[in-house]
Amino acid sequence: MNSTAERWLAAAFEHSETWGMVWFGLLFWGSVLFAVAQQTFADASPWTVGWAAYATGLAVGLVAKVRGGWL
């Protein structure tokens, strides 16, 4: 592996260690909240429900990052 690839890989690992909870909150909790919200608010716009669900997931991830844990 050349030094550019090694630096890129090291930066990717550092990013995932630092921001992993935020990405998990955005992707996992956002998806879960989106699925629940689609069933709960069936008449609402999918875009509105999606934005609200993923924004909430992102907020949960940011709070977890600041606190250092999920609970």
PDB file of N, CA and C in Angstrom:
ATOM      1  N   MET A   1       0.845  -1.178   0.000  1.00  0.00           N
ATOM      2  CA  MET A   1       0.000   0.000   0.000  1.00  0.00           C
ATOM      3  C   MET A   1       0.890   1.242   0.000  1.00  0.00           C
ATOM      4  N   ASN A   2       0.516   2.210  -0.800  1.00  0.00           N
ATOM      5  CA  ASN A   2       1.328   3.428  -0.812  1.00  0.00           C
ATOM      6  C   ASN A   2       0.917   4.371   0.311  1.00  0.00           C
ATOM      7  N   SER A   3       1.675   5.401   0.488  1.00  0.00           N
ATOM      8  CA  SER A   3       1.440   6.285   1.633  1.00  0.00           C
ATOM      9  C   SER A   3       0.122   7.058   1.518  1.00  0.00           C
ATOM     10  N   THR A   4      -0.317   7.365   0.303  1.00  0.00           N
ATOM     11  CA  THR A   4      -1.589   8.074   0.141  1.00  0.00           C
ATOM     12  C   THR A   4      -2.746   7.200   0.598  1.00  0.00           C
ATOM     13  N   ALA A   5      -2.738   5.947   0.196  1.00  0.00           N
ATOM     14  CA  ALA A   5      -3.799   5.022   0.599  1.00  0.00           C
ATOM     15  C   ALA A   5      -3.760   4.787   2.107  1.00  0.00           C
ATOM     16  N   GLU A   6      -2.570   4.684   2.668  1.00  0.00           N
ATOM     17  CA  GLU A   6      -2.442   4.491   4.118  1.00  0.00           C
ATOM     18  C   GLU A   6      -2.983   5.697   4.875  1.00  0.00           C
ATOM     19  N   ARG A   7      -2.676   6.889   4.394  1.00  0.00           N
ATOM     20  CA  ARG A   7      -3.180   8.099   5.050  1.00  0.00           C
ATOM     21  C   ARG A   7      -4.700   8.184   4.943  1.00  0.00           C
ATOM     22  N   TRP A   8      -5.244   7.850   3.770  1.00  0.00           N
ATOM     23  CA  TRP A   8      -6.694   7.883   3.574  1.00  0.00           C
ATOM     24  C   TRP A   8      -7.373   6.879   4.487  1.00  0.00           C
ATOM     25  N   LEU A   9      -6.813   5.670   4.576  1.00  0.00           N
ATOM     26  CA  LEU A   9      -7.386   4.637   5.434  1.00  0.00           C
ATOM     27  C   LEU A   9      -7.311   5.043   6.906  1.00  0.00           C
ATOM     28  N   ALA A  10      -6.193   5.602   7.317  1.00  0.00           N
ATOM     29  CA  ALA A  10      -6.055   6.062   8.704  1.00  0.00           C
ATOM     30  C   ALA A  10      -7.055   7.180   9.006  1.00  0.00           C
ATOM     31  N   ALA A  11      -7.238   8.088   8.062  1.00  0.00           N
ATOM     32  CA  ALA A  11      -8.203   9.175   8.266  1.00  0.00           C
ATOM     33  C   ALA A  11      -9.627   8.633   8.343  1.00  0.00           C
ATOM     34  N   ALA A  12      -9.945   7.626   7.529  1.00  0.00           N
ATOM     35  CA  ALA A  12     -11.284   7.031   7.561  1.00  0.00           C
ATOM     36  C   ALA A  12     -11.541   6.346   8.897  1.00  0.00           C
ATOM     37  N   PHE A  13     -10.559   5.618   9.412  1.00  0.00           N
ATOM     38  CA  PHE A  13     -10.723   4.971  10.717  1.00  0.00           C
ATOM     39  C   PHE A  13     -10.862   6.000  11.831  1.00  0.00           C
ATOM     40  N   GLU A  14     -10.069   7.048  11.779  1.00  0.00           N
ATOM     41  CA  GLU A  14     -10.156   8.095  12.802  1.00  0.00           C
ATOM     42  C   GLU A  14     -11.528   8.773  12.759  1.00  0.00           C
ATOM     43  N   HIS A  15     -12.019   9.024  11.559  1.00  0.00           N
ATOM     44  CA  HIS A  15     -13.344   9.639  11.409  1.00  0.00           C
ATOM     45  C   HIS A  15     -14.427   8.729  11.976  1.00  0.00           C
ATOM     46  N   SER A  16     -14.347   7.435  11.687  1.00  0.00           N
ATOM     47  CA  SER A  16     -15.379   6.515  12.183  1.00  0.00           C
ATOM     48  C   SER A  16     -15.321   6.374  13.701  1.00  0.00           C
ATOM     49  N   GLU A  17     -14.135   6.439  14.280  1.00  0.00           N
ATOM     50  CA  GLU A  17     -14.024   6.373  15.736  1.00  0.00           C
ATOM     51  C   GLU A  17     -14.578   7.640  16.384  1.00  0.00           C
ATOM     52  N   THR A  18     -14.363   8.772  15.747  1.00  0.00           N
ATOM     53  CA  THR A  18     -14.796  10.046  16.305  1.00  0.00           C
ATOM     54  C   THR A  18     -16.289  10.293  16.089  1.00  0.00           C
ATOM     55  N   TRP A  19     -16.780  10.001  14.899  1.00  0.00           N
ATOM     56  CA  TRP A  19     -18.156  10.344  14.531  1.00  0.00           C
ATOM     57  C   TRP A  19     -19.061   9.130  14.369  1.00  0.00           C
ATOM     58  N   GLY A  20     -18.644   7.966  14.835  1.00  0.00           N
ATOM     59  CA  GLY A  20     -19.423   6.738  14.660  1.00  0.00           C
ATOM     60  C   GLY A  20     -20.817   6.806  15.254  1.00  0.00           C
ATOM     61  N   MET A  21     -20.941   7.365  16.444  1.00  0.00           N
ATOM     62  CA  MET A  21     -22.259   7.462  17.086  1.00  0.00           C
ATOM     63  C   MET A  21     -23.191   8.379  16.301  1.00  0.00           C
ATOM     64  N   VAL A  22     -22.642   9.426  15.735  1.00  0.00           N
ATOM     65  CA  VAL A  22     -23.469  10.354  14.965  1.00  0.00           C
ATOM     66  C   VAL A  22     -23.991   9.659  13.705  1.00  0.00           C
ATOM     67  N   TRP A  23     -23.102   8.955  12.994  1.00  0.00           N
ATOM     68  CA  TRP A  23     -23.533   8.228  11.795  1.00  0.00           C
ATOM     69  C   TRP A  23     -24.538   7.141  12.145  1.00  0.00           C
ATOM     70  N   PHE A  24     -24.315   6.446  13.251  1.00  0.00           N
ATOM     71  CA  PHE A  24     -25.253   5.409  13.678  1.00  0.00           C
ATOM     72  C   PHE A  24     -26.617   6.022  13.988  1.00  0.00           C
ATOM     73  N   GLY A  25     -26.618   7.134  14.696  1.00  0.00           N
ATOM     74  CA  GLY A  25     -27.878   7.805  15.002  1.00  0.00           C
ATOM     75  C   GLY A  25     -28.600   8.241  13.745  1.00  0.00           C
ATOM     76  N   LEU A  26     -27.855   8.832  12.817  1.00  0.00           N
ATOM     77  CA  LEU A  26     -28.465   9.298  11.574  1.00  0.00           C
ATOM     78  C   LEU A  26     -29.037   8.140  10.766  1.00  0.00           C
ATOM     79  N   LEU A  27     -28.229   7.116  10.536  1.00  0.00           N
ATOM     80  CA  LEU A  27     -28.658   6.032   9.647  1.00  0.00           C
ATOM     81  C   LEU A  27     -29.593   5.039  10.318  1.00  0.00           C
ATOM     82  N   PHE A  28     -29.222   4.529  11.488  1.00  0.00           N
ATOM     83  CA  PHE A  28     -30.047   3.499  12.126  1.00  0.00           C
ATOM     84  C   PHE A  28     -31.294   4.098  12.754  1.00  0.00           C
ATOM     85  N   TRP A  29     -31.109   5.024  13.694  1.00  0.00           N
ATOM     86  CA  TRP A  29     -32.275   5.589  14.380  1.00  0.00           C
ATOM     87  C   TRP A  29     -33.145   6.390  13.421  1.00  0.00           C
ATOM     88  N   GLY A  30     -32.526   7.077  12.464  1.00  0.00           N
ATOM     89  CA  GLY A  30     -33.319   7.780  11.464  1.00  0.00           C
ATOM     90  C   GLY A  30     -34.192   6.835  10.656  1.00  0.00           C
ATOM     91  N   SER A  31     -33.640   5.683  10.270  1.00  0.00           N
ATOM     92  CA  SER A  31     -34.416   4.692   9.517  1.00  0.00           C
ATOM     93  C   SER A  31     -35.538   4.100  10.353  1.00  0.00           C
ATOM     94  N   VAL A  32     -35.237   3.782  11.599  1.00  0.00           N
ATOM     95  CA  VAL A  32     -36.264   3.222  12.484  1.00  0.00           C
ATOM     96  C   VAL A  32     -37.379   4.243  12.702  1.00  0.00           C
ATOM     97  N   LEU A  33     -37.013   5.469  12.999  1.00  0.00           N
ATOM     98  CA  LEU A  33     -38.020   6.509  13.221  1.00  0.00           C
ATOM     99  C   LEU A  33     -38.821   6.799  11.955  1.00  0.00           C
ATOM    100  N   PHE A  34     -38.173   6.726  10.810  1.00  0.00           N
ATOM    101  CA  PHE A  34     -38.868   6.940   9.543  1.00  0.00           C
ATOM    102  C   PHE A  34     -39.910   5.852   9.304  1.00  0.00           C
ATOM    103  N   ALA A  35     -39.550   4.599   9.563  1.00  0.00           N
ATOM    104  CA  ALA A  35     -40.502   3.496   9.383  1.00  0.00           C
ATOM    105  C   ALA A  35     -41.691   3.628  10.330  1.00  0.00           C
ATOM    106  N   VAL A  36     -41.418   3.975  11.572  1.00  0.00           N
ATOM    107  CA  VAL A  36     -42.505   4.146  12.544  1.00  0.00           C
ATOM    108  C   VAL A  36     -43.376   5.342  12.158  1.00  0.00           C
ATOM    109  N   ALA A  37     -42.748   6.434  11.755  1.00  0.00           N
ATOM    110  CA  ALA A  37     -43.502   7.640  11.407  1.00  0.00           C
ATOM    111  C   ALA A  37     -44.350   7.437  10.156  1.00  0.00           C
ATOM    112  N   GLN A  38     -43.862   6.642   9.202  1.00  0.00           N
ATOM    113  CA  GLN A  38     -44.662   6.364   8.010  1.00  0.00           C
ATOM    114  C   GLN A  38     -45.958   5.652   8.367  1.00  0.00           C
ATOM    115  N   GLN A  39     -45.883   4.739   9.323  1.00  0.00           N
ATOM    116  CA  GLN A  39     -47.083   4.020   9.740  1.00  0.00           C
ATOM    117  C   GLN A  39     -47.986   4.891  10.610  1.00  0.00           C
ATOM    118  N   THR A  40     -47.378   5.728  11.422  1.00  0.00           N
ATOM    119  CA  THR A  40     -48.147   6.566  12.342  1.00  0.00           C
ATOM    120  C   THR A  40     -48.816   7.735  11.621  1.00  0.00           C
ATOM    121  N   PHE A  41     -48.073   8.378  10.741  1.00  0.00           N
ATOM    122  CA  PHE A  41     -48.572   9.552  10.017  1.00  0.00           C
ATOM    123  C   PHE A  41     -48.710   9.210   8.538  1.00  0.00           C
ATOM    124  N   ALA A  42     -49.607   8.296   8.225  1.00  0.00           N
ATOM    125  CA  ALA A  42     -49.750   7.780   6.860  1.00  0.00           C
ATOM    126  C   ALA A  42     -50.171   8.862   5.867  1.00  0.00           C
ATOM    127  N   ASP A  43     -50.891   9.869   6.317  1.00  0.00           N
ATOM    128  CA  ASP A  43     -51.372  10.918   5.412  1.00  0.00           C
ATOM    129  C   ASP A  43     -50.361  12.043   5.203  1.00  0.00           C
ATOM    130  N   ALA A  44     -49.300  12.062   5.968  1.00  0.00           N
ATOM    131  CA  ALA A  44     -48.308  13.135   5.867  1.00  0.00           C
ATOM    132  C   ALA A  44     -47.408  12.916   4.651  1.00  0.00           C
ATOM    133  N   SER A  45     -46.776  13.982   4.214  1.00  0.00           N
ATOM    134  CA  SER A  45     -45.848  13.916   3.091  1.00  0.00           C
ATOM    135  C   SER A  45     -44.638  13.057   3.466  1.00  0.00           C
ATOM    136  N   PRO A  46     -44.246  12.116   2.591  1.00  0.00           N
ATOM    137  CA  PRO A  46     -43.065  11.289   2.894  1.00  0.00           C
ATOM    138  C   PRO A  46     -41.794  12.119   3.075  1.00  0.00           C
ATOM    139  N   TRP A  47     -41.686  13.227   2.347  1.00  0.00           N
ATOM    140  CA  TRP A  47     -40.508  14.081   2.491  1.00  0.00           C
ATOM    141  C   TRP A  47     -40.461  14.720   3.874  1.00  0.00           C
ATOM    142  N   THR A  48     -41.597  15.192   4.328  1.00  0.00           N
ATOM    143  CA  THR A  48     -41.665  15.815   5.653  1.00  0.00           C
ATOM    144  C   THR A  48     -41.366  14.799   6.743  1.00  0.00           C
ATOM    145  N   VAL A  49     -41.973  13.633   6.624  1.00  0.00           N
ATOM    146  CA  VAL A  49     -41.745  12.571   7.608  1.00  0.00           C
ATOM    147  C   VAL A  49     -40.280  12.149   7.583  1.00  0.00           C
ATOM    148  N   GLY A  50     -39.712  12.020   6.393  1.00  0.00           N
ATOM    149  CA  GLY A  50     -38.312  11.616   6.267  1.00  0.00           C
ATOM    150  C   GLY A  50     -37.354  12.620   6.874  1.00  0.00           C
ATOM    151  N   TRP A  51     -37.555  13.895   6.542  1.00  0.00           N
ATOM    152  CA  TRP A  51     -36.686  14.932   7.104  1.00  0.00           C
ATOM    153  C   TRP A  51     -36.770  14.966   8.620  1.00  0.00           C
ATOM    154  N   ALA A  52     -37.984  14.882   9.143  1.00  0.00           N
ATOM    155  CA  ALA A  52     -38.154  14.925  10.596  1.00  0.00           C
ATOM    156  C   ALA A  52     -37.515  13.713  11.263  1.00  0.00           C
ATOM    157  N   ALA A  53     -37.701  12.534  10.679  1.00  0.00           N
ATOM    158  CA  ALA A  53     -37.159  11.309  11.275  1.00  0.00           C
ATOM    159  C   ALA A  53     -35.634  11.309  11.254  1.00  0.00           C
ATOM    160  N   TYR A  54     -35.043  11.645  10.104  1.00  0.00           N
ATOM    161  CA  TYR A  54     -33.585  11.624  10.015  1.00  0.00           C
ATOM    162  C   TYR A  54     -32.947  12.772  10.796  1.00  0.00           C
ATOM    163  N   ALA A  55     -33.610  13.907  10.880  1.00  0.00           N
ATOM    164  CA  ALA A  55     -33.098  15.004  11.712  1.00  0.00           C
ATOM    165  C   ALA A  55     -33.111  14.608  13.181  1.00  0.00           C
ATOM    166  N   THR A  56     -34.155  13.904  13.599  1.00  0.00           N
ATOM    167  CA  THR A  56     -34.215  13.418  14.981  1.00  0.00           C
ATOM    168  C   THR A  56     -33.123  12.388  15.230  1.00  0.00           C
ATOM    169  N   GLY A  57     -32.913  11.479  14.275  1.00  0.00           N
ATOM    170  CA  GLY A  57     -31.836  10.497  14.404  1.00  0.00           C
ATOM    171  C   GLY A  57     -30.471  11.155  14.498  1.00  0.00           C
ATOM    172  N   LEU A  58     -30.257  12.191  13.691  1.00  0.00           N
ATOM    173  CA  LEU A  58     -29.002  12.938  13.750  1.00  0.00           C
ATOM    174  C   LEU A  58     -28.836  13.613  15.103  1.00  0.00           C
ATOM    175  N   ALA A  59     -29.900  14.209  15.608  1.00  0.00           N
ATOM    176  CA  ALA A  59     -29.843  14.866  16.921  1.00  0.00           C
ATOM    177  C   ALA A  59     -29.535  13.860  18.024  1.00  0.00           C
ATOM    178  N   VAL A  60     -30.155  12.691  17.954  1.00  0.00           N
ATOM    179  CA  VAL A  60     -29.882  11.645  18.953  1.00  0.00           C
ATOM    180  C   VAL A  60     -28.417  11.225  18.877  1.00  0.00           C
ATOM    181  N   GLY A  61     -27.889  11.076  17.667  1.00  0.00           N
ATOM    182  CA  GLY A  61     -26.481  10.722  17.504  1.00  0.00           C
ATOM    183  C   GLY A  61     -25.543  11.788  18.036  1.00  0.00           C
ATOM    184  N   LEU A  62     -25.864  13.049  17.798  1.00  0.00           N
ATOM    185  CA  LEU A  62     -25.031  14.139  18.319  1.00  0.00           C
ATOM    186  C   LEU A  62     -25.061  14.193  19.839  1.00  0.00           C
ATOM    187  N   VAL A  63     -26.233  13.987  20.420  1.00  0.00           N
ATOM    188  CA  VAL A  63     -26.338  13.966  21.884  1.00  0.00           C
ATOM    189  C   VAL A  63     -25.522  12.805  22.445  1.00  0.00           C
ATOM    190  N   ALA A  64     -25.598  11.647  21.803  1.00  0.00           N
ATOM    191  CA  ALA A  64     -24.825  10.490  22.265  1.00  0.00           C
ATOM    192  C   ALA A  64     -23.327  10.755  22.166  1.00  0.00           C
ATOM    193  N   LYS A  65     -22.897  11.442  21.102  1.00  0.00           N
ATOM    194  CA  LYS A  65     -21.473  11.763  20.957  1.00  0.00           C
ATOM    195  C   LYS A  65     -21.018  12.703  22.066  1.00  0.00           C
ATOM    196  N   VAL A  66     -21.817  13.711  22.358  1.00  0.00           N
ATOM    197  CA  VAL A  66     -21.462  14.679  23.403  1.00  0.00           C
ATOM    198  C   VAL A  66     -21.428  14.002  24.768  1.00  0.00           C
ATOM    199  N   ARG A  67     -22.421  13.155  25.039  1.00  0.00           N
ATOM    200  CA  ARG A  67     -22.500  12.476  26.334  1.00  0.00           C
ATOM    201  C   ARG A  67     -21.498  11.331  26.448  1.00  0.00           C
ATOM    202  N   GLY A  68     -21.072  10.781  25.318  1.00  0.00           N
ATOM    203  CA  GLY A  68     -20.136   9.666  25.340  1.00  0.00           C
ATOM    204  C   GLY A  68     -20.802   8.310  25.449  1.00  0.00           C
ATOM    205  N   GLY A  69     -22.111   8.259  25.319  1.00  0.00           N
ATOM    206  CA  GLY A  69     -22.847   6.993  25.399  1.00  0.00           C
ATOM    207  C   GLY A  69     -24.294   7.207  25.025  1.00  0.00           C
ATOM    208  N   TRP A  70     -25.006   6.110  24.835  1.00  0.00           N
ATOM    209  CA  TRP A  70     -26.387   6.209  24.384  1.00  0.00           C
ATOM    210  C   TRP A  70     -27.360   6.502  25.512  1.00  0.00           C
ATOM    211  N   LEU A  71     -27.113   6.020  26.684  1.00  0.00           N
ATOM    212  CA  LEU A  71     -28.080   6.229  27.765  1.00  0.00           C
ATOM    213  C   LEU A  71     -27.564   7.213  28.783  1.00  0.00           C
TER     214      LEU A  71
END
